[in-house]
C-alpha atoms as a PDB file:
ATOM      1  CA  MET A   1       1.847 -14.463  -3.647  1.00  0.00           C
ATOM      2  CA  ALA A   2       3.367 -17.059  -6.000  1.00  0.00           C
ATOM      3  CA  PHE A   3       0.297 -19.287  -5.727  1.00  0.00           C
ATOM      4  CA  ALA A   4      -2.530 -16.762  -5.351  1.00  0.00           C
ATOM      5  CA  PHE A   5      -4.778 -16.605  -8.409  1.00  0.00           C
ATOM      6  CA  LEU A   6      -4.986 -12.853  -9.042  1.00  0.00           C
ATOM      7  CA  PRO A   7      -1.264 -11.957  -8.892  1.00  0.00           C
ATOM      8  CA  VAL A   8      -0.350 -14.932 -11.088  1.00  0.00           C
ATOM      9  CA  ALA A   9      -3.167 -14.421 -13.589  1.00  0.00           C
ATOM     10  CA  TYR A  10      -2.581 -10.692 -14.024  1.00  0.00           C
ATOM     11  CA  SER A  11       1.196 -11.011 -14.157  1.00  0.00           C
ATOM     12  CA  ARG A  12       0.534 -12.448 -17.630  1.00  0.00           C
ATOM     13  CA  VAL A  13      -1.583  -9.474 -18.738  1.00  0.00           C
ATOM     14  CA  ALA A  14      -0.417  -5.955 -19.624  1.00  0.00           C
ATOM     15  CA  VAL A  15      -2.124  -4.100 -16.785  1.00  0.00           C
ATOM     16  CA  THR A  16      -0.479  -1.806 -14.261  1.00  0.00           C
ATOM     17  CA  ASP A  17      -1.809  -3.474 -11.108  1.00  0.00           C
ATOM     18  CA  VAL A  18       0.872  -6.185 -10.826  1.00  0.00           C
ATOM     19  CA  GLY A  19       3.683  -3.690 -11.380  1.00  0.00           C
ATOM     20  CA  ALA A  20       2.795  -2.009  -8.092  1.00  0.00           C
ATOM     21  CA  LEU A  21       3.271  -5.169  -6.020  1.00  0.00           C
ATOM     22  CA  MET A  22       7.057  -5.006  -5.614  1.00  0.00           C
ATOM     23  CA  GLY A  23       6.966  -1.321  -4.667  1.00  0.00           C
ATOM     24  CA  VAL A  24       4.283  -1.873  -2.030  1.00  0.00           C
ATOM     25  CA  ALA A  25       6.121  -4.853  -0.534  1.00  0.00           C
ATOM     26  CA  LEU A  26       9.448  -3.029  -0.256  1.00  0.00           C
ATOM     27  CA  ALA A  27       7.812   0.179   0.999  1.00  0.00           C
ATOM     28  CA  LEU A  28       6.303  -1.918   3.806  1.00  0.00           C
ATOM     29  CA  LEU A  29       9.678  -3.501   4.564  1.00  0.00           C
ATOM     30  CA  PHE A  30      11.486  -0.207   5.038  1.00  0.00           C
ATOM     31  CA  ALA A  31       8.569   1.380   6.912  1.00  0.00           C
ATOM     32  CA  VAL A  32       8.750  -1.502   9.395  1.00  0.00           C
ATOM     33  CA  ARG A  33      12.502  -0.917   9.668  1.00  0.00           C
ATOM     34  CA  VAL A  34      11.752   2.715  10.528  1.00  0.00           C
ATOM     35  CA  HIS A  35       9.445   1.537  13.304  1.00  0.00           C
ATOM     36  CA  GLU A  36      11.693  -1.191  14.656  1.00  0.00           C
ATOM     37  CA  GLY A  37      14.750   1.032  14.374  1.00  0.00           C
ATOM     38  CA  ARG A  38      18.332   0.166  15.160  1.00  0.00           C
ATOM     39  CA  ARG A  39      19.674  -1.146  18.424  1.00  0.00           C
ATOM     40  CA  SER A  40      23.354  -0.822  19.271  1.00  0.00           C
ATOM     41  CA  ALA A  41      25.030  -2.826  22.015  1.00  0.00           C
ATOM     42  CA  GLY A  42      23.964  -1.592  25.431  1.00  0.00           C
ATOM     43  CA  ALA A  43      21.896   1.249  23.961  1.00  0.00           C
ATOM     44  CA  ALA A  44      18.191   1.879  23.718  1.00  0.00           C
ATOM     45  CA  ARG A  45      16.456   1.402  20.418  1.00  0.00           C
ATOM     46  CA  THR A  46      16.410   4.426  18.178  1.00  0.00           C
ATOM     47  CA  GLY A  47      14.231   5.185  15.220  1.00  0.00           C
ATOM     48  CA  GLY A  48      15.117   3.956  11.755  1.00  0.00           C
ATOM     49  CA  ALA A  49      17.908   5.632   9.838  1.00  0.00           C
ATOM     50  CA  LEU A  50      17.033   8.356   7.367  1.00  0.00           C
ATOM     51  CA  VAL A  51      17.966   5.944   4.592  1.00  0.00           C
ATOM     52  CA  ASP A  52      15.071   3.723   5.715  1.00  0.00           C
ATOM     53  CA  TYR A  53      12.663   6.660   5.434  1.00  0.00           C
ATOM     54  CA  ALA A  54      14.058   7.480   2.000  1.00  0.00           C
ATOM     55  CA  LEU A  55      13.864   3.897   0.735  1.00  0.00           C
ATOM     56  CA  ALA A  56      10.311   3.481   2.023  1.00  0.00           C
ATOM     57  CA  GLY A  57       9.384   6.631   0.119  1.00  0.00           C
ATOM     58  CA  ALA A  58      11.271   5.564  -3.001  1.00  0.00           C
ATOM     59  CA  PHE A  59       9.479   2.234  -3.252  1.00  0.00           C
ATOM     60  CA  ALA A  60       6.128   3.874  -2.514  1.00  0.00           C
ATOM     61  CA  GLY A  61       6.900   6.204  -5.423  1.00  0.00           C
ATOM     62  CA  LEU A  62       7.630   3.163  -7.589  1.00  0.00           C
ATOM     63  CA  ALA A  63       4.287   1.642  -6.594  1.00  0.00           C
ATOM     64  CA  VAL A  64       2.253   4.778  -7.274  1.00  0.00           C
ATOM     65  CA  ALA A  65       4.004   5.218 -10.624  1.00  0.00           C
ATOM     66  CA  PHE A  66       2.312   1.980 -11.681  1.00  0.00           C
ATOM     67  CA  LYS A  67      -1.027   2.420  -9.882  1.00  0.00           C
ATOM     68  CA  TYR A  68      -2.217   5.662  -8.291  1.00  0.00           C
ATOM     69  CA  THR A  69      -4.132   3.921  -5.503  1.00  0.00           C
ATOM     70  CA  ALA A  70      -0.842   2.287  -4.471  1.00  0.00           C
ATOM     71  CA  GLY A  71       0.074   5.674  -3.026  1.00  0.00           C
ATOM     72  CA  LEU A  72      -1.486   4.237   0.118  1.00  0.00           C
ATOM     73  CA  ALA A  73       1.893   2.502   0.546  1.00  0.00           C
ATOM     74  CA  LEU A  74       2.963   5.736   2.256  1.00  0.00           C
ATOM     75  CA  LEU A  75       0.465   5.121   5.070  1.00  0.00           C
ATOM     76  CA  PRO A  76       2.685   2.630   6.971  1.00  0.00           C
ATOM     77  CA  LEU A  77       5.588   5.086   6.845  1.00  0.00           C
ATOM     78  CA  ALA A  78       3.364   7.843   8.239  1.00  0.00           C
ATOM     79  CA  ILE A  79       2.207   5.555  11.050  1.00  0.00           C
ATOM     80  CA  ALA A  80       5.790   4.602  11.870  1.00  0.00           C
ATOM     81  CA  ALA A  81       6.926   8.238  11.926  1.00  0.00           C
ATOM     82  CA  LEU A  82       4.032   9.336  14.146  1.00  0.00           C
ATOM     83  CA  ALA A  83       4.732   6.474  16.524  1.00  0.00           C
ATOM     84  CA  ARG A  84       8.366   7.610  16.739  1.00  0.00           C
ATOM     85  CA  LEU A  85       7.405  11.255  17.246  1.00  0.00           C
ATOM     86  CA  ARG A  86       7.611  11.255  21.041  1.00  0.00           C
ATOM     87  CA  ALA A  87      10.983   9.518  21.078  1.00  0.00           C
ATOM     88  CA  ASP A  88      12.601  11.089  18.015  1.00  0.00           C
ATOM     89  CA  GLY A  89      10.835  14.448  17.848  1.00  0.00           C
ATOM     90  CA  VAL A  90      11.512  16.533  14.780  1.00  0.00           C
ATOM     91  CA  ARG A  91      13.745  13.796  13.345  1.00  0.00           C
ATOM     92  CA  ALA A  92      10.678  11.616  12.772  1.00  0.00           C
ATOM     93  CA  LEU A  93       8.858  14.429  10.973  1.00  0.00           C
ATOM     94  CA  GLY A  94      11.956  15.168   8.922  1.00  0.00           C
ATOM     95  CA  GLY A  95      12.217  11.513   7.960  1.00  0.00           C
ATOM     96  CA  LEU A  96       8.569  11.445   6.919  1.00  0.00           C
ATOM     97  CA  ALA A  97       9.033  14.596   4.840  1.00  0.00           C
ATOM     98  CA  LEU A  98      12.117  13.026   3.244  1.00  0.00           C
ATOM     99  CA  GLY A  99      10.164   9.879   2.411  1.00  0.00           C
ATOM    100  CA  GLY A 100       7.365  11.905   0.832  1.00  0.00           C
ATOM    101  CA  ALA A 101       9.814  13.991  -1.196  1.00  0.00           C
ATOM    102  CA  VAL A 102      11.672  10.909  -2.484  1.00  0.00           C
ATOM    103  CA  ALA A 103       8.339   9.263  -3.372  1.00  0.00           C
ATOM    104  CA  ALA A 104       7.389  12.316  -5.429  1.00  0.00           C
ATOM    105  CA  LEU A 105      10.810  12.379  -7.088  1.00  0.00           C
ATOM    106  CA  VAL A 106      10.635   8.710  -8.089  1.00  0.00           C
ATOM    107  CA  PHE A 107       7.069   9.136  -9.352  1.00  0.00           C
ATOM    108  CA  VAL A 108       8.108  12.065 -11.552  1.00  0.00           C
ATOM    109  CA  ALA A 109      11.247  10.272 -12.763  1.00  0.00           C
ATOM    110  CA  LEU A 110       9.149   7.303 -13.895  1.00  0.00           C
ATOM    111  CA  ASN A 111       6.502   9.549 -15.481  1.00  0.00           C
ATOM    112  CA  PRO A 112       8.650  12.132 -17.298  1.00  0.00           C
ATOM    113  CA  TYR A 113       5.928  13.069 -19.785  1.00  0.00           C
ATOM    114  CA  LEU A 114       3.585  14.123 -17.009  1.00  0.00           C
ATOM    115  CA  PHE A 115       4.652  17.762 -17.119  1.00  0.00           C
ATOM    116  CA  GLY A 116       4.309  17.983 -20.867  1.00  0.00           C
ATOM    117  CA  SER A 117       0.626  17.077 -20.640  1.00  0.00           C
ATOM    118  CA  LEU A 118      -0.296  18.017 -17.085  1.00  0.00           C
ATOM    119  CA  ASP A 119      -3.724  19.410 -17.967  1.00  0.00           C
ATOM    120  CA  ALA A 120      -4.688  16.350 -20.000  1.00  0.00           C
ATOM    121  CA  TRP A 121      -3.396  14.018 -17.270  1.00  0.00           C
ATOM    122  CA  TRP A 122      -5.394  15.777 -14.566  1.00  0.00           C
ATOM    123  CA  THR A 123      -8.542  15.851 -16.716  1.00  0.00           C
ATOM    124  CA  ASP A 124      -8.286  12.164 -17.572  1.00  0.00           C
ATOM    125  CA  LEU A 125      -7.567  11.225 -13.967  1.00  0.00           C
ATOM    126  CA  ARG A 126     -10.557  13.221 -12.732  1.00  0.00           C
ATOM    127  CA  ASP A 127     -12.848  11.809 -15.424  1.00  0.00           C
ATOM    128  CA  GLN A 128     -11.780   8.239 -14.675  1.00  0.00           C
ATOM    129  CA  ALA A 129     -12.328   8.775 -10.950  1.00  0.00           C
ATOM    130  CA  GLU A 130     -15.794  10.181 -11.618  1.00  0.00           C
ATOM    131  CA  VAL A 131     -16.732   7.174 -13.762  1.00  0.00           C
ATOM    132  CA  ALA A 132     -15.550   4.746 -11.094  1.00  0.00           C
ATOM    133  CA  ALA A 133     -17.386   6.661  -8.366  1.00  0.00           C
ATOM    134  CA  ASP A 134     -20.644   7.516 -10.117  1.00  0.00           C
ATOM    135  CA  ASP A 135     -21.367   5.155 -13.037  1.00  0.00           C
ATOM    136  CA  PRO A 136     -22.180   1.563 -12.002  1.00  0.00           C
ATOM    137  CA  LYS A 137     -21.051  -1.168 -14.355  1.00  0.00           C
ATOM    138  CA  PRO A 138     -23.883  -3.435 -15.553  1.00  0.00           C
ATOM    139  CA  GLY A 139     -24.132  -6.506 -13.355  1.00  0.00           C
ATOM    140  CA  GLN A 140     -22.360  -4.874 -10.421  1.00  0.00           C
ATOM    141  CA  GLU A 141     -25.285  -3.836  -8.284  1.00  0.00           C
ATOM    142  CA  SER A 142     -24.539  -6.060  -5.271  1.00  0.00           C
ATOM    143  CA  GLY A 143     -22.184  -3.601  -3.563  1.00  0.00           C
ATOM    144  CA  GLY A 144     -18.445  -3.239  -3.268  1.00  0.00           C
ATOM    145  CA  PHE A 145     -18.008  -4.462   0.314  1.00  0.00           C
ATOM    146  CA  GLY A 146     -19.430  -7.890  -0.425  1.00  0.00           C
ATOM    147  CA  TYR A 147     -17.674  -8.076  -3.769  1.00  0.00           C
ATOM    148  CA  TYR A 148     -14.173  -7.396  -2.432  1.00  0.00           C
ATOM    149  CA  LEU A 149     -14.616  -9.726   0.526  1.00  0.00           C
ATOM    150  CA  ASP A 150     -15.692 -12.452  -1.885  1.00  0.00           C
ATOM    151  CA  SER A 151     -12.788 -11.629  -4.235  1.00  0.00           C
ATOM    152  CA  LEU A 152     -10.313 -12.511  -1.506  1.00  0.00           C
ATOM    153  CA  THR A 153     -11.663 -16.063  -1.350  1.00  0.00           C
ATOM    154  CA  TRP A 154     -10.728 -16.741  -4.990  1.00  0.00           C
ATOM    155  CA  GLY A 155      -8.159 -14.019  -5.685  1.00  0.00           C
ATOM    156  CA  LEU A 156      -5.981 -14.679  -2.653  1.00  0.00           C
ATOM    157  CA  GLY A 157      -7.542 -17.962  -1.565  1.00  0.00           C
ATOM    158  CA  TRP A 158      -9.618 -19.082   1.418  1.00  0.00           C
ATOM    159  CA  ALA A 159      -6.661 -20.371   3.429  1.00  0.00           C
ATOM    160  CA  ALA A 160      -4.510 -17.297   2.830  1.00  0.00           C
ATOM    161  CA  ALA A 161      -7.385 -14.886   3.490  1.00  0.00           C
ATOM    162  CA  ILE A 162      -8.232 -16.548   6.812  1.00  0.00           C
ATOM    163  CA  ALA A 163      -4.533 -16.703   7.706  1.00  0.00           C
ATOM    164  CA  ALA A 164      -4.192 -12.968   6.940  1.00  0.00           C
ATOM    165  CA  LEU A 165      -7.049 -12.166   9.313  1.00  0.00           C
ATOM    166  CA  ALA A 166      -5.498 -14.318  12.049  1.00  0.00           C
ATOM    167  CA  GLY A 167      -2.100 -12.765  11.335  1.00  0.00           C
ATOM    168  CA  ALA A 168      -3.538  -9.277  11.744  1.00  0.00           C
ATOM    169  CA  VAL A 169      -4.870 -10.209  15.187  1.00  0.00           C
ATOM    170  CA  LEU A 170      -1.495 -11.708  16.157  1.00  0.00           C
ATOM    171  CA  GLU A 171       0.492  -8.711  14.923  1.00  0.00           C
ATOM    172  CA  LEU A 172      -1.770  -6.224  16.681  1.00  0.00           C
ATOM    173  CA  ARG A 173      -1.245  -8.136  19.923  1.00  0.00           C
ATOM    174  CA  ARG A 174       2.508  -8.531  19.470  1.00  0.00           C
ATOM    175  CA  ASP A 175       3.224  -4.945  18.388  1.00  0.00           C
ATOM    176  CA  LEU A 176       0.293  -2.560  17.978  1.00  0.00           C
ATOM    177  CA  VAL A 177       2.130  -0.096  15.750  1.00  0.00           C
ATOM    178  CA  ARG A 178       3.538  -2.770  13.442  1.00  0.00           C
ATOM    179  CA  GLY A 179       0.126  -4.430  13.274  1.00  0.00           C
ATOM    180  CA  LEU A 180      -1.482  -1.124  12.302  1.00  0.00           C
ATOM    181  CA  MET A 181       1.189  -0.551   9.670  1.00  0.00           C
ATOM    182  CA  LEU A 182       0.611  -3.916   8.010  1.00  0.00           C
ATOM    183  CA  ALA A 183      -3.183  -3.655   8.206  1.00  0.00           C
ATOM    184  CA  SER A 184      -3.444  -0.026   7.099  1.00  0.00           C
ATOM    185  CA  VAL A 185      -2.999  -0.555   3.350  1.00  0.00           C
ATOM    186  CA  PRO A 186      -5.518  -3.424   2.987  1.00  0.00           C
ATOM    187  CA  VAL A 187      -8.107  -1.713   5.189  1.00  0.00           C
ATOM    188  CA  ALA A 188      -7.769   1.743   3.596  1.00  0.00           C
ATOM    189  CA  LEU A 189      -7.799   0.369   0.052  1.00  0.00           C
ATOM    190  CA  PHE A 190     -10.731  -1.932   0.808  1.00  0.00           C
ATOM    191  CA  VAL A 191     -12.819   0.927   2.225  1.00  0.00           C
ATOM    192  CA  TYR A 192     -11.938   3.308  -0.615  1.00  0.00           C
ATOM    193  CA  LEU A 193     -12.690   0.806  -3.369  1.00  0.00           C
ATOM    194  CA  SER A 194     -15.866  -0.486  -1.741  1.00  0.00           C
ATOM    195  CA  VAL A 195     -17.608   2.891  -1.877  1.00  0.00           C
ATOM    196  CA  GLN A 196     -17.019   3.227  -5.627  1.00  0.00           C
ATOM    197  CA  SER A 197     -19.746   2.330  -8.095  1.00  0.00           C
ATOM    198  CA  ARG A 198     -17.456   0.059 -10.121  1.00  0.00           C
ATOM    199  CA  TYR A 199     -15.300  -2.707  -8.730  1.00  0.00           C
ATOM    200  CA  PHE A 200     -12.801  -5.205 -10.061  1.00  0.00           C
ATOM    201  CA  GLY A 201     -10.848  -7.820  -8.141  1.00  0.00           C
ATOM    202  CA  ARG A 202      -7.527  -6.630  -9.531  1.00  0.00           C
ATOM    203  CA  TRP A 203      -8.051  -3.146  -8.071  1.00  0.00           C
ATOM    204  CA  LEU A 204      -7.377  -4.666  -4.645  1.00  0.00           C
ATOM    205  CA  LEU A 205      -4.030  -6.125  -5.754  1.00  0.00           C
ATOM    206  CA  PRO A 206      -1.884  -3.383  -4.110  1.00  0.00           C
ATOM    207  CA  ALA A 207      -3.118  -4.739  -0.769  1.00  0.00           C
ATOM    208  CA  TYR A 208      -1.932  -8.278  -1.509  1.00  0.00           C
ATOM    209  CA  PRO A 209       1.702  -7.879  -0.337  1.00  0.00           C
ATOM    210  CA  ALA A 210       0.497  -6.774   3.103  1.00  0.00           C
ATOM    211  CA  LEU A 211      -2.095  -9.559   3.198  1.00  0.00           C
ATOM    212  CA  ALA A 212       0.620 -12.061   2.287  1.00  0.00           C
ATOM    213  CA  MET A 213       2.849 -10.768   5.123  1.00  0.00           C
ATOM    214  CA  LEU A 214      -0.024 -11.030   7.600  1.00  0.00           C
ATOM    215  CA  ALA A 215      -0.832 -14.535   6.372  1.00  0.00           C
ATOM    216  CA  ALA A 216       2.817 -15.496   6.808  1.00  0.00           C
ATOM    217  CA  ALA A 217       2.693 -14.259  10.413  1.00  0.00           C
END
């Protein structure tokens, strides 16, 4: 992350994309802790503590407070909770609900003026989404899938992008659930952004922490 072009370049510009990076990274950390759980001496592994669910939700709320598409940081937590459902039962669902509630609380705490202008916020959000989905930007007629794949070669870098792909394969083989958790944010964000009519390399930045973790693997 410290040497990838996009995170470094946009950390020097007043845009919200970079602000989401820390929240996404830490939301992933605590979601993985939920999945891997705690192991006491001589005891079977149990699901993560409720504090891990809460912290995963809190940092996802921090991420989405900067960038709405970073709300996908809750996906790994949902995957972890569903994977723990058979073993932990209602505790896993309760943890997921706790994480979602804390995420909402943090989002509201960091956007206190939201309720004073809720109608305007919703209208602007809907209008912006419609522009991104329906109005192509001049010079962007080649398609989002190809654009975002190409953006990884210069935004993240060839070596890191290839390493992230290899890391995803390794993680899926080592631990299917953990591999799905780490791959879920990049894949979901890539698909969502690629079907829009407008595309910018920085819009994929919330996926970079997960890509960096996969590359590290």
